[in-house]
Amino acid sequence: METTKTLIGYVIYLPIALFLTYHVSKTLFRNSKVYMLDIFKGREEIALATNKLFETGFYLLNLGFALMILDMNLYDNTYQELIEALSYKIGGFAIYLGVMLFLNLYFFFRGKRKASQTAREEKIIFKA
């Protein structure tokens, strides 16, 4: 009977963590194709392949972290403690996903800036 609330916590937490990871990943990588095409100067095949590799890495990191923090210690084994533990886990994971999202955006913008800088430098070289 003691593990019932812990199992309930796992049954609630895991689908939410999986859904959040899936939703953030799909939103990020569907919209990042534009940046990848710009970074790789319209070379669609390499842009999409790189985007897919980023997406795979994003899934691995986030699902790994979600599973790593799965441990639910319910000392008093009450529903109040279960809800508090779930809110802490889901909230912490949502913050982590937000940080990962902005980190990926930073890399996309950095790549876009580097591609623009390289294009400007090539333009200057060809003018000379």
N, C-alpha and C. Protein backbone atom coordinates (compact mmCIF):
# COMPACT_ATOMS: atom_id res chain seq x y z
N MET A 1 0.82 -1.21 0.00
CA MET A 1 0.00 0.00 0.00
C MET A 1 0.86 1.27 0.00
N GLU A 2 2.05 1.20 0.58
CA GLU A 2 2.90 2.39 0.66
C GLU A 2 3.36 2.87 -0.71
N THR A 3 3.60 1.96 -1.62
CA THR A 3 4.12 2.35 -2.93
C THR A 3 3.02 2.81 -3.89
N THR A 4 1.76 2.70 -3.51
CA THR A 4 0.67 3.07 -4.41
C THR A 4 0.75 4.53 -4.84
N LYS A 5 0.97 5.42 -3.89
CA LYS A 5 1.03 6.85 -4.23
C LYS A 5 2.29 7.16 -5.06
N THR A 6 3.36 6.47 -4.80
CA THR A 6 4.56 6.65 -5.60
C THR A 6 4.31 6.22 -7.04
N LEU A 7 3.64 5.09 -7.21
CA LEU A 7 3.32 4.62 -8.57
C LEU A 7 2.35 5.58 -9.26
N ILE A 8 1.40 6.12 -8.52
CA ILE A 8 0.49 7.12 -9.08
C ILE A 8 1.30 8.33 -9.56
N GLY A 9 2.28 8.73 -8.76
CA GLY A 9 3.15 9.85 -9.14
C GLY A 9 3.89 9.57 -10.43
N TYR A 10 4.42 8.36 -10.57
CA TYR A 10 5.12 8.00 -11.80
C TYR A 10 4.18 7.99 -13.00
N VAL A 11 2.99 7.47 -12.80
CA VAL A 11 2.00 7.39 -13.89
C VAL A 11 1.56 8.78 -14.33
N ILE A 12 1.58 9.74 -13.43
CA ILE A 12 1.22 11.11 -13.79
C ILE A 12 2.43 11.84 -14.41
N TYR A 13 3.59 11.71 -13.77
CA TYR A 13 4.77 12.46 -14.19
C TYR A 13 5.29 12.05 -15.56
N LEU A 14 5.44 10.76 -15.80
CA LEU A 14 6.05 10.30 -17.06
C LEU A 14 5.32 10.78 -18.31
N PRO A 15 4.00 10.62 -18.41
CA PRO A 15 3.33 11.11 -19.63
C PRO A 15 3.46 12.63 -19.80
N ILE A 16 3.42 13.37 -18.69
CA ILE A 16 3.54 14.83 -18.79
C ILE A 16 4.95 15.19 -19.27
N ALA A 17 5.97 14.57 -18.71
CA ALA A 17 7.35 14.86 -19.13
C ALA A 17 7.57 14.48 -20.59
N LEU A 18 7.03 13.34 -20.99
CA LEU A 18 7.17 12.91 -22.39
C LEU A 18 6.43 13.87 -23.33
N PHE A 19 5.22 14.27 -22.96
CA PHE A 19 4.46 15.19 -23.80
C PHE A 19 5.17 16.54 -23.91
N LEU A 20 5.63 17.08 -22.78
CA LEU A 20 6.32 18.37 -22.82
C LEU A 20 7.56 18.31 -23.71
N THR A 21 8.33 17.24 -23.58
CA THR A 21 9.52 17.08 -24.41
C THR A 21 9.14 17.02 -25.89
N TYR A 22 8.14 16.23 -26.21
CA TYR A 22 7.68 16.08 -27.60
C TYR A 22 7.19 17.42 -28.15
N HIS A 23 6.35 18.11 -27.39
CA HIS A 23 5.76 19.37 -27.87
C HIS A 23 6.82 20.44 -28.09
N VAL A 24 7.71 20.61 -27.12
CA VAL A 24 8.77 21.62 -27.25
C VAL A 24 9.68 21.29 -28.42
N SER A 25 10.03 20.01 -28.55
CA SER A 25 10.91 19.59 -29.65
C SER A 25 10.27 19.84 -31.00
N LYS A 26 9.04 19.43 -31.18
CA LYS A 26 8.37 19.62 -32.47
C LYS A 26 8.25 21.10 -32.81
N THR A 27 7.89 21.92 -31.83
CA THR A 27 7.76 23.36 -32.07
C THR A 27 9.11 23.97 -32.44
N LEU A 28 10.14 23.64 -31.67
CA LEU A 28 11.47 24.21 -31.92
C LEU A 28 12.02 23.80 -33.27
N PHE A 29 11.98 22.52 -33.58
CA PHE A 29 12.67 22.05 -34.78
C PHE A 29 11.84 22.23 -36.05
N ARG A 30 10.54 22.39 -35.93
CA ARG A 30 9.74 22.73 -37.10
C ARG A 30 10.07 24.17 -37.52
N ASN A 31 10.24 25.04 -36.54
CA ASN A 31 10.51 26.44 -36.84
C ASN A 31 11.99 26.74 -37.08
N SER A 32 12.87 25.85 -36.69
CA SER A 32 14.31 26.12 -36.87
C SER A 32 14.80 25.77 -38.27
N LYS A 33 13.97 25.14 -39.07
CA LYS A 33 14.39 24.80 -40.44
C LYS A 33 14.78 26.05 -41.22
N VAL A 34 14.07 27.14 -40.98
CA VAL A 34 14.36 28.40 -41.66
C VAL A 34 15.78 28.86 -41.35
N TYR A 35 16.16 28.77 -40.08
CA TYR A 35 17.51 29.18 -39.68
C TYR A 35 18.56 28.27 -40.28
N MET A 36 18.28 26.99 -40.28
CA MET A 36 19.25 26.04 -40.83
C MET A 36 19.45 26.27 -42.33
N LEU A 37 18.37 26.53 -43.04
CA LEU A 37 18.50 26.80 -44.48
C LEU A 37 19.32 28.06 -44.72
N ASP A 38 19.14 29.06 -43.86
CA ASP A 38 19.91 30.29 -43.99
C ASP A 38 21.38 30.04 -43.64
N ILE A 39 21.62 29.30 -42.58
CA ILE A 39 22.99 29.02 -42.16
C ILE A 39 23.74 28.25 -43.25
N PHE A 40 23.06 27.28 -43.86
CA PHE A 40 23.70 26.45 -44.89
C PHE A 40 23.42 26.96 -46.30
N LYS A 41 23.07 28.23 -46.41
CA LYS A 41 22.92 28.92 -47.70
C LYS A 41 22.00 28.19 -48.67
N GLY A 42 20.86 27.73 -48.15
CA GLY A 42 19.86 27.12 -49.01
C GLY A 42 20.10 25.67 -49.35
N ARG A 43 21.18 25.08 -48.88
CA ARG A 43 21.46 23.67 -49.16
C ARG A 43 20.54 22.83 -48.26
N GLU A 44 19.40 22.50 -48.81
CA GLU A 44 18.32 21.91 -48.03
C GLU A 44 18.70 20.57 -47.40
N GLU A 45 19.39 19.73 -48.13
CA GLU A 45 19.70 18.39 -47.62
C GLU A 45 20.54 18.45 -46.35
N ILE A 46 21.60 19.26 -46.36
CA ILE A 46 22.45 19.34 -45.17
C ILE A 46 21.76 20.10 -44.04
N ALA A 47 20.95 21.08 -44.39
CA ALA A 47 20.21 21.84 -43.36
C ALA A 47 19.22 20.95 -42.63
N LEU A 48 18.47 20.15 -43.37
CA LEU A 48 17.49 19.26 -42.74
C LEU A 48 18.17 18.14 -41.95
N ALA A 49 19.28 17.64 -42.46
CA ALA A 49 20.01 16.59 -41.74
C ALA A 49 20.57 17.13 -40.42
N THR A 50 21.12 18.32 -40.46
CA THR A 50 21.66 18.93 -39.24
C THR A 50 20.54 19.22 -38.25
N ASN A 51 19.42 19.70 -38.76
CA ASN A 51 18.28 19.98 -37.90
C ASN A 51 17.79 18.69 -37.22
N LYS A 52 17.78 17.59 -37.98
CA LYS A 52 17.35 16.30 -37.42
C LYS A 52 18.33 15.81 -36.35
N LEU A 53 19.62 16.03 -36.56
CA LEU A 53 20.61 15.65 -35.55
C LEU A 53 20.43 16.47 -34.27
N PHE A 54 20.19 17.77 -34.41
CA PHE A 54 19.90 18.61 -33.25
C PHE A 54 18.66 18.09 -32.51
N GLU A 55 17.64 17.73 -33.27
CA GLU A 55 16.39 17.24 -32.67
C GLU A 55 16.63 15.93 -31.90
N THR A 56 17.40 15.04 -32.47
CA THR A 56 17.71 13.77 -31.80
C THR A 56 18.48 14.02 -30.50
N GLY A 57 19.45 14.89 -30.56
CA GLY A 57 20.20 15.24 -29.35
C GLY A 57 19.32 15.88 -28.30
N PHE A 58 18.39 16.73 -28.73
CA PHE A 58 17.45 17.38 -27.82
C PHE A 58 16.60 16.34 -27.11
N TYR A 59 16.09 15.38 -27.86
CA TYR A 59 15.30 14.30 -27.25
C TYR A 59 16.14 13.51 -26.25
N LEU A 60 17.33 13.11 -26.63
CA LEU A 60 18.17 12.31 -25.75
C LEU A 60 18.49 13.03 -24.45
N LEU A 61 18.88 14.29 -24.54
CA LEU A 61 19.20 15.06 -23.34
C LEU A 61 17.99 15.23 -22.43
N ASN A 62 16.87 15.61 -23.02
CA ASN A 62 15.71 15.92 -22.20
C ASN A 62 15.02 14.68 -21.64
N LEU A 63 14.90 13.64 -22.43
CA LEU A 63 14.31 12.42 -21.91
C LEU A 63 15.22 11.79 -20.86
N GLY A 64 16.52 11.85 -21.09
CA GLY A 64 17.47 11.35 -20.09
C GLY A 64 17.36 12.10 -18.78
N PHE A 65 17.23 13.42 -18.86
CA PHE A 65 17.09 14.22 -17.64
C PHE A 65 15.76 13.92 -16.96
N ALA A 66 14.69 13.80 -17.74
CA ALA A 66 13.37 13.50 -17.17
C ALA A 66 13.40 12.18 -16.42
N LEU A 67 14.07 11.19 -16.97
CA LEU A 67 14.16 9.89 -16.30
C LEU A 67 15.11 9.94 -15.11
N MET A 68 16.15 10.76 -15.21
CA MET A 68 17.11 10.86 -14.13
C MET A 68 16.47 11.45 -12.86
N ILE A 69 15.55 12.39 -13.03
CA ILE A 69 14.92 13.02 -11.86
C ILE A 69 13.60 12.33 -11.48
N LEU A 70 13.38 11.15 -11.98
CA LEU A 70 12.12 10.43 -11.74
C LEU A 70 11.89 10.09 -10.27
N ASP A 71 12.94 9.84 -9.53
CA ASP A 71 12.83 9.39 -8.14
C ASP A 71 11.85 10.25 -7.35
N MET A 72 10.87 9.61 -6.73
CA MET A 72 9.86 10.30 -5.95
C MET A 72 9.91 9.78 -4.52
N ASN A 73 10.41 10.62 -3.62
CA ASN A 73 10.49 10.23 -2.21
C ASN A 73 9.31 10.81 -1.45
N LEU A 74 8.38 9.97 -1.12
CA LEU A 74 7.21 10.39 -0.34
C LEU A 74 7.39 9.84 1.08
N TYR A 75 7.76 10.71 2.00
CA TYR A 75 8.07 10.26 3.35
C TYR A 75 6.81 9.97 4.16
N ASP A 76 5.84 10.87 4.11
CA ASP A 76 4.59 10.66 4.86
C ASP A 76 3.56 9.91 4.06
N ASN A 77 3.81 9.79 2.76
CA ASN A 77 2.93 9.05 1.84
C ASN A 77 1.49 9.58 1.84
N THR A 78 1.38 10.91 1.74
CA THR A 78 0.05 11.53 1.68
C THR A 78 -0.17 12.07 0.28
N TYR A 79 -1.44 12.34 -0.04
CA TYR A 79 -1.75 12.92 -1.35
C TYR A 79 -1.21 14.33 -1.47
N GLN A 80 -1.20 15.06 -0.37
CA GLN A 80 -0.64 16.41 -0.40
C GLN A 80 0.84 16.35 -0.78
N GLU A 81 1.56 15.44 -0.18
CA GLU A 81 2.98 15.28 -0.49
C GLU A 81 3.19 14.84 -1.94
N LEU A 82 2.31 13.99 -2.44
CA LEU A 82 2.37 13.55 -3.84
C LEU A 82 2.19 14.73 -4.79
N ILE A 83 1.19 15.55 -4.54
CA ILE A 83 0.93 16.71 -5.39
C ILE A 83 2.10 17.70 -5.33
N GLU A 84 2.65 17.91 -4.14
CA GLU A 84 3.79 18.81 -4.01
C GLU A 84 5.01 18.27 -4.74
N ALA A 85 5.24 16.96 -4.63
CA ALA A 85 6.38 16.35 -5.33
C ALA A 85 6.20 16.45 -6.84
N LEU A 86 4.98 16.19 -7.31
CA LEU A 86 4.70 16.28 -8.75
C LEU A 86 4.88 17.71 -9.26
N SER A 87 4.40 18.68 -8.49
CA SER A 87 4.53 20.07 -8.94
C SER A 87 6.00 20.47 -9.00
N TYR A 88 6.79 20.00 -8.05
CA TYR A 88 8.21 20.31 -8.04
C TYR A 88 8.91 19.65 -9.23
N LYS A 89 8.60 18.39 -9.49
CA LYS A 89 9.22 17.66 -10.60
C LYS A 89 8.82 18.25 -11.95
N ILE A 90 7.53 18.43 -12.16
CA ILE A 90 7.04 18.93 -13.45
C ILE A 90 7.48 20.37 -13.66
N GLY A 91 7.41 21.19 -12.61
CA GLY A 91 7.85 22.58 -12.72
C GLY A 91 9.33 22.67 -13.01
N GLY A 92 10.13 21.88 -12.30
CA GLY A 92 11.57 21.87 -12.54
C GLY A 92 11.92 21.41 -13.94
N PHE A 93 11.20 20.39 -14.41
CA PHE A 93 11.45 19.89 -15.75
C PHE A 93 11.03 20.92 -16.80
N ALA A 94 9.93 21.62 -16.57
CA ALA A 94 9.48 22.66 -17.50
C ALA A 94 10.52 23.79 -17.57
N ILE A 95 11.07 24.17 -16.43
CA ILE A 95 12.12 25.20 -16.43
C ILE A 95 13.34 24.71 -17.19
N TYR A 96 13.73 23.47 -16.96
CA TYR A 96 14.86 22.88 -17.68
C TYR A 96 14.61 22.89 -19.19
N LEU A 97 13.39 22.51 -19.61
CA LEU A 97 13.07 22.52 -21.04
C LEU A 97 13.14 23.94 -21.61
N GLY A 98 12.69 24.91 -20.83
CA GLY A 98 12.78 26.31 -21.27
C GLY A 98 14.21 26.75 -21.46
N VAL A 99 15.08 26.37 -20.54
CA VAL A 99 16.51 26.70 -20.66
C VAL A 99 17.10 26.03 -21.91
N MET A 100 16.75 24.77 -22.11
CA MET A 100 17.25 24.05 -23.30
C MET A 100 16.73 24.70 -24.59
N LEU A 101 15.48 25.14 -24.58
CA LEU A 101 14.90 25.81 -25.75
C LEU A 101 15.69 27.07 -26.07
N PHE A 102 15.94 27.90 -25.06
CA PHE A 102 16.66 29.14 -25.30
C PHE A 102 18.12 28.89 -25.65
N LEU A 103 18.70 27.84 -25.13
CA LEU A 103 20.07 27.47 -25.50
C LEU A 103 20.13 27.08 -26.98
N ASN A 104 19.16 26.31 -27.43
CA ASN A 104 19.11 25.96 -28.85
C ASN A 104 18.88 27.19 -29.72
N LEU A 105 18.00 28.08 -29.30
CA LEU A 105 17.77 29.32 -30.06
C LEU A 105 19.05 30.14 -30.14
N TYR A 106 19.79 30.18 -29.04
CA TYR A 106 21.07 30.89 -29.05
C TYR A 106 21.99 30.31 -30.11
N PHE A 107 22.09 28.98 -30.17
CA PHE A 107 22.95 28.35 -31.17
C PHE A 107 22.47 28.62 -32.59
N PHE A 108 21.15 28.64 -32.81
CA PHE A 108 20.62 28.93 -34.14
C PHE A 108 20.96 30.37 -34.55
N PHE A 109 20.73 31.32 -33.63
CA PHE A 109 21.03 32.72 -33.93
C PHE A 109 22.53 32.94 -34.12
N ARG A 110 23.33 32.26 -33.34
CA ARG A 110 24.79 32.36 -33.49
C ARG A 110 25.22 31.82 -34.86
N GLY A 111 24.65 30.68 -35.25
CA GLY A 111 24.96 30.12 -36.56
C GLY A 111 24.53 31.05 -37.68
N LYS A 112 23.37 31.65 -37.52
CA LYS A 112 22.87 32.59 -38.53
C LYS A 112 23.80 33.81 -38.63
N ARG A 113 24.24 34.30 -37.49
CA ARG A 113 25.15 35.45 -37.48
C ARG A 113 26.49 35.10 -38.13
N LYS A 114 27.00 33.91 -37.82
CA LYS A 114 28.28 33.47 -38.43
C LYS A 114 28.13 33.33 -39.94
N ALA A 115 26.99 32.77 -40.38
CA ALA A 115 26.76 32.61 -41.82
C ALA A 115 26.69 33.97 -42.51
N SER A 116 26.02 34.94 -41.89
CA SER A 116 25.92 36.28 -42.45
C SER A 116 27.29 36.95 -42.51
N GLN A 117 28.07 36.76 -41.44
CA GLN A 117 29.40 37.35 -41.40
C GLN A 117 30.30 36.74 -42.47
N THR A 118 30.23 35.45 -42.67
CA THR A 118 31.02 34.78 -43.71
C THR A 118 30.60 35.27 -45.10
N ALA A 119 29.30 35.44 -45.30
CA ALA A 119 28.81 35.92 -46.59
C ALA A 119 29.32 37.33 -46.87
N ARG A 120 29.33 38.19 -45.84
CA ARG A 120 29.85 39.56 -46.02
C ARG A 120 31.33 39.54 -46.35
N GLU A 121 32.07 38.67 -45.66
CA GLU A 121 33.51 38.58 -45.91
C GLU A 121 33.78 38.07 -47.33
N GLU A 122 33.00 37.11 -47.79
CA GLU A 122 33.17 36.59 -49.15
C GLU A 122 32.85 37.67 -50.18
N LYS A 123 31.82 38.48 -49.90
CA LYS A 123 31.45 39.56 -50.80
C LYS A 123 32.57 40.58 -50.93
N ILE A 124 33.22 40.89 -49.80
CA ILE A 124 34.32 41.85 -49.81
C ILE A 124 35.50 41.28 -50.60
N ILE A 125 35.80 40.00 -50.43
CA ILE A 125 36.91 39.37 -51.13
C ILE A 125 36.68 39.39 -52.63
N PHE A 126 35.46 39.08 -53.06
CA PHE A 126 35.17 39.03 -54.49
C PHE A 126 35.16 40.41 -55.13
N LYS A 127 34.86 41.46 -54.34
CA LYS A 127 34.88 42.82 -54.88
C LYS A 127 36.32 43.28 -55.12
N ALA A 128 37.24 42.79 -54.31
CA ALA A 128 38.64 43.27 -54.40
C ALA A 128 39.37 42.75 -55.60
